Amino acid sequence: MKEHNVIGTMQLLGACQRSATVRRVVVRSTTAVYGSSPRDPAVFTEDLEPHDGPVHGYAKDAAEVEGYVRGFARRRPDVTVSLLRFANFMGPGVDSPLTRYFTQPVLPSVLGFDPRLQFVHEDDAVEVLRRMATEDHPGTYNVAGAGVLLLSQCARRAGRPSLPLISPAFTVLGGAARRLGLVEYSPEQLRLMSHGRAVDIAHLEAELGWKPKFSTGAAFDDFLRSRGLRPLGSFRA
């Protein structure tokens, strides 16, 4: 995976640097580069540094990729470079560790924690990518639906019982589930399930003059309906 994420990006950026015709480079990153820590701010803006950044897995790869992208932008100031930090994708067509987590019969959680989660609907993600690819919007942008959901709210809306576990037991369960191929509980996801994460998207909205069609709650509702899980209550987009 590191070969694909990091080495592949380095090769692509090298090709772009040698090209005389490339005008825009759009990079899909993740809000996971901010990490998840009890010392985090309530909401991350693009200029804030994480207290405890990622140290392994996909999130660490993404942080490394961002460093190479910034280097490329300095070397080729004539190219418009857009770096997009997406929240967790959600929607009918999304298959991810997080969507698989929410379709389990019982949702294990970390005792004493109720993390804030933020999602971006797949349709809004595609629209942002389209706009960035066809227009000039240099810079780094958080991409997410408005608002947040607590993990407990997600469980209630999905009609799934929650199983609070002490942190070591949750870690052991996550490792066992990953080895069995049931649900991919990565270390980053375990931290997210403890401390959560939320980002501000005002920079994106101001730059594009556009707002995501789906809020975090509406994106989660659409995902639930696609899995035959009737969401409790309603969220406005």
Protein backbone atom coordinates (compact mmCIF):
# COMPACT_ATOMS: atom_id res chain seq x y z
CA MET A 1 0.00 0.00 0.00
CA LYS A 2 2.86 2.39 0.78
CA GLU A 3 4.30 1.61 -2.66
CA HIS A 4 0.99 2.62 -4.21
CA ASN A 5 0.34 5.72 -2.07
CA VAL A 6 3.77 7.27 -1.58
CA ILE A 7 6.09 5.92 -4.26
CA GLY A 8 3.34 6.17 -6.88
CA THR A 9 2.71 9.80 -5.96
CA MET A 10 6.42 10.61 -6.15
CA GLN A 11 6.59 9.10 -9.64
CA LEU A 12 3.50 10.99 -10.77
CA LEU A 13 4.78 14.30 -9.41
CA GLY A 14 8.12 13.67 -11.09
CA ALA A 15 6.35 13.21 -14.42
CA CYS A 16 4.30 16.37 -13.82
CA GLN A 17 7.43 18.35 -13.01
CA ARG A 18 9.02 17.36 -16.32
CA SER A 19 5.85 18.13 -18.28
CA ALA A 20 5.51 21.43 -20.09
CA THR A 21 1.75 21.04 -20.57
CA VAL A 22 0.39 20.18 -17.10
CA ARG A 23 -1.59 23.14 -15.78
CA ARG A 24 -3.35 21.69 -12.73
CA VAL A 25 -2.61 18.97 -10.20
CA VAL A 26 -5.42 17.87 -7.85
CA VAL A 27 -4.47 15.64 -4.93
CA ARG A 28 -6.94 13.68 -2.82
CA SER A 29 -5.77 13.60 0.77
CA THR A 30 -7.65 12.92 4.01
CA THR A 31 -8.53 14.67 7.25
CA ALA A 32 -6.83 11.72 8.93
CA VAL A 33 -3.58 13.70 8.56
CA TYR A 34 -4.78 15.72 11.58
CA GLY A 35 -4.83 12.57 13.68
CA SER A 36 -7.18 12.02 16.62
CA SER A 37 -6.07 13.13 20.06
CA PRO A 38 -7.66 14.32 23.31
CA ARG A 39 -5.59 17.50 22.91
CA ASP A 40 -6.99 18.38 19.50
CA PRO A 41 -8.93 21.61 18.89
CA ALA A 42 -12.70 21.33 18.60
CA VAL A 43 -12.44 22.00 14.86
CA PHE A 44 -9.40 21.83 12.59
CA THR A 45 -8.74 24.54 10.03
CA GLU A 46 -6.24 23.95 7.26
CA ASP A 47 -3.47 25.94 8.96
CA LEU A 48 -3.57 24.07 12.29
CA GLU A 49 -0.94 21.46 13.11
CA PRO A 50 -2.01 18.25 14.89
CA HIS A 51 -0.85 17.59 18.43
CA ASP A 52 -0.36 13.91 17.67
CA GLY A 53 -0.07 13.33 13.96
CA PRO A 54 -0.38 9.89 12.36
CA VAL A 55 2.56 7.56 12.86
CA HIS A 56 1.54 4.55 10.77
CA GLY A 57 -0.78 3.30 8.06
CA TYR A 58 -2.70 5.21 5.42
CA ALA A 59 -2.83 8.43 7.43
CA LYS A 60 0.97 8.53 7.75
CA ASP A 61 1.27 7.85 4.01
CA ALA A 62 -1.13 10.74 3.31
CA ALA A 63 0.91 13.11 5.48
CA GLU A 64 4.06 12.06 3.62
CA VAL A 65 2.36 12.53 0.26
CA GLU A 66 1.29 16.04 1.28
CA GLY A 67 4.94 16.91 1.95
CA TYR A 68 5.92 15.85 -1.57
CA VAL A 69 2.99 17.80 -3.02
CA ARG A 70 4.05 20.99 -1.23
CA GLY A 71 7.58 20.50 -2.56
CA PHE A 72 6.23 20.13 -6.09
CA ALA A 73 4.14 23.30 -5.71
CA ARG A 74 7.26 25.25 -4.70
CA ARG A 75 9.23 23.93 -7.66
CA ARG A 76 6.45 24.54 -10.19
CA PRO A 77 4.69 27.78 -9.17
CA ASP A 78 3.23 27.93 -12.69
CA VAL A 79 1.06 24.86 -11.96
CA THR A 80 -2.15 25.18 -9.94
CA VAL A 81 -1.94 22.64 -7.10
CA SER A 82 -5.10 21.82 -5.13
CA LEU A 83 -4.77 19.61 -2.04
CA LEU A 84 -8.09 18.23 -0.77
CA ARG A 85 -8.43 16.78 2.72
CA PHE A 86 -11.61 14.71 2.61
CA ALA A 87 -13.52 13.58 5.68
CA ASN A 88 -14.70 9.95 5.72
CA PHE A 89 -16.71 9.19 2.59
CA MET A 90 -20.33 8.16 3.07
CA GLY A 91 -23.10 7.22 0.66
CA PRO A 92 -24.72 4.37 -1.27
CA GLY A 93 -21.63 3.54 -3.31
CA VAL A 94 -19.07 3.69 -0.50
CA ASP A 95 -17.49 0.51 0.84
CA SER A 96 -14.95 1.34 3.54
CA PRO A 97 -13.91 0.14 6.98
CA LEU A 98 -16.23 2.74 8.50
CA THR A 99 -19.29 1.81 6.43
CA ARG A 100 -18.67 -1.87 7.20
CA TYR A 101 -18.45 -0.99 10.88
CA PHE A 102 -21.93 0.57 10.83
CA THR A 103 -23.50 -2.50 9.21
CA GLN A 104 -22.40 -4.86 12.00
CA PRO A 105 -25.18 -6.30 14.18
CA VAL A 106 -23.53 -4.76 17.27
CA LEU A 107 -21.30 -1.69 17.29
CA PRO A 108 -18.41 -1.93 19.74
CA SER A 109 -17.32 1.39 21.23
CA VAL A 110 -14.72 2.59 23.68
CA LEU A 111 -16.12 2.93 27.20
CA GLY A 112 -16.24 6.54 28.34
CA PHE A 113 -15.90 8.04 24.84
CA ASP A 114 -18.49 9.32 22.39
CA PRO A 115 -16.47 10.71 19.48
CA ARG A 116 -17.67 13.33 17.02
CA LEU A 117 -17.66 12.05 13.44
CA GLN A 118 -17.89 13.95 10.19
CA PHE A 119 -18.71 12.61 6.73
CA VAL A 120 -18.68 13.81 3.14
CA HIS A 121 -21.22 12.40 0.71
CA GLU A 122 -19.77 10.74 -2.37
CA ASP A 123 -21.71 13.06 -4.73
CA ASP A 124 -20.31 16.16 -3.03
CA ALA A 125 -16.81 14.68 -3.17
CA VAL A 126 -17.12 14.13 -6.92
CA GLU A 127 -18.40 17.68 -7.41
CA VAL A 128 -15.44 19.15 -5.51
CA LEU A 129 -13.01 17.07 -7.59
CA ARG A 130 -14.75 18.20 -10.79
CA ARG A 131 -14.55 21.85 -9.82
CA MET A 132 -10.91 21.61 -8.83
CA ALA A 133 -10.01 19.83 -12.07
CA THR A 134 -11.71 22.39 -14.31
CA GLU A 135 -11.06 25.61 -12.38
CA ASP A 136 -8.01 27.21 -10.74
CA HIS A 137 -8.21 26.93 -6.95
CA PRO A 138 -4.69 26.59 -5.56
CA GLY A 139 -4.25 25.72 -1.90
CA THR A 140 -5.26 23.21 0.76
CA TYR A 141 -8.93 22.62 1.55
CA ASN A 142 -10.90 20.59 4.06
CA VAL A 143 -13.87 18.83 2.45
CA ALA A 144 -16.75 17.61 4.65
CA GLY A 145 -20.46 17.88 5.15
CA ALA A 146 -21.74 20.46 7.60
CA GLY A 147 -22.19 19.43 11.22
CA VAL A 148 -21.10 16.37 13.16
CA LEU A 149 -22.68 13.21 14.56
CA LEU A 150 -21.74 11.54 17.80
CA LEU A 151 -21.00 7.84 17.51
CA SER A 152 -23.93 7.14 19.83
CA GLN A 153 -26.23 9.12 17.51
CA CYS A 154 -25.01 7.09 14.53
CA ALA A 155 -25.75 3.85 16.37
CA ARG A 156 -29.27 4.96 17.30
CA ARG A 157 -30.02 6.15 13.79
CA ALA A 158 -28.81 2.83 12.37
CA GLY A 159 -30.90 0.91 14.90
CA ARG A 160 -27.79 -0.89 16.11
CA PRO A 161 -27.04 -1.65 19.78
CA SER A 162 -23.74 -0.32 21.10
CA LEU A 163 -21.32 -2.44 23.11
CA PRO A 164 -19.04 -0.25 25.27
CA LEU A 165 -15.67 -1.89 25.97
CA ILE A 166 -12.69 -0.72 27.97
CA SER A 167 -9.96 0.55 25.67
CA PRO A 168 -7.65 -2.53 25.87
CA ALA A 169 -10.58 -4.85 25.11
CA PHE A 170 -11.61 -2.70 22.14
CA THR A 171 -8.04 -2.87 20.81
CA VAL A 172 -7.92 -6.65 21.20
CA LEU A 173 -11.31 -7.03 19.53
CA GLY A 174 -10.24 -4.77 16.69
CA GLY A 175 -7.08 -6.79 16.11
CA ALA A 176 -9.01 -10.06 16.10
CA ALA A 177 -11.63 -8.70 13.68
CA ARG A 178 -8.90 -7.45 11.34
CA ARG A 179 -7.11 -10.82 11.34
CA LEU A 180 -10.37 -12.63 10.58
CA GLY A 181 -11.14 -10.22 7.76
CA LEU A 182 -14.45 -9.13 9.31
CA VAL A 183 -13.88 -5.41 9.79
CA GLU A 184 -10.64 -3.53 9.22
CA TYR A 185 -10.00 -1.90 12.58
CA SER A 186 -6.82 0.02 11.76
CA PRO A 187 -4.98 1.83 14.55
CA GLU A 188 -6.17 5.13 13.04
CA GLN A 189 -9.79 3.99 13.21
CA LEU A 190 -9.37 2.90 16.82
CA ARG A 191 -8.13 6.39 17.72
CA LEU A 192 -10.96 7.96 15.74
CA MET A 193 -13.45 5.86 17.69
CA SER A 194 -12.00 7.27 20.90
CA HIS A 195 -11.37 10.93 20.18
CA GLY A 196 -13.19 11.72 16.93
CA ARG A 197 -12.33 14.59 14.62
CA ALA A 198 -14.05 17.60 13.03
CA VAL A 199 -12.86 20.09 10.42
CA ASP A 200 -13.94 23.53 9.25
CA ILE A 201 -14.89 23.92 5.58
CA ALA A 202 -15.31 27.71 5.44
CA HIS A 203 -12.19 28.06 3.27
CA LEU A 204 -13.61 25.67 0.65
CA GLU A 205 -17.04 27.32 0.65
CA ALA A 206 -15.57 30.79 0.27
CA GLU A 207 -13.20 29.75 -2.52
CA LEU A 208 -15.79 27.88 -4.58
CA GLY A 209 -18.85 29.95 -3.69
CA TRP A 210 -20.51 26.60 -3.08
CA LYS A 211 -21.71 24.46 -0.20
CA PRO A 212 -21.98 20.65 -0.02
CA LYS A 213 -25.47 19.43 -0.84
CA PHE A 214 -25.39 16.88 1.98
CA SER A 215 -24.70 17.61 5.61
CA THR A 216 -22.92 14.97 7.68
CA GLY A 217 -26.29 13.76 8.96
CA ALA A 218 -27.88 13.68 5.51
CA ALA A 219 -24.94 11.75 4.07
CA PHE A 220 -25.26 9.15 6.85
CA ASP A 221 -29.02 8.90 6.26
CA ASP A 222 -28.46 8.25 2.56
CA PHE A 223 -25.98 5.51 3.39
CA LEU A 224 -28.42 3.87 5.82
CA ARG A 225 -31.24 3.87 3.26
CA SER A 226 -28.96 2.27 0.68
CA ARG A 227 -28.28 -0.59 3.11
CA GLY A 228 -31.95 -1.10 3.93
CA LEU A 229 -31.56 0.54 7.34
CA ARG A 230 -34.29 3.09 7.81
CA PRO A 231 -32.77 6.12 9.54
CA LEU A 232 -34.53 7.23 12.71
CA GLY A 233 -35.78 10.81 12.62
CA SER A 234 -34.56 13.00 9.79
CA PHE A 235 -31.73 15.31 8.91
CA ARG A 236 -31.96 18.19 6.52
CA ALA A 237 -29.26 18.38 3.86
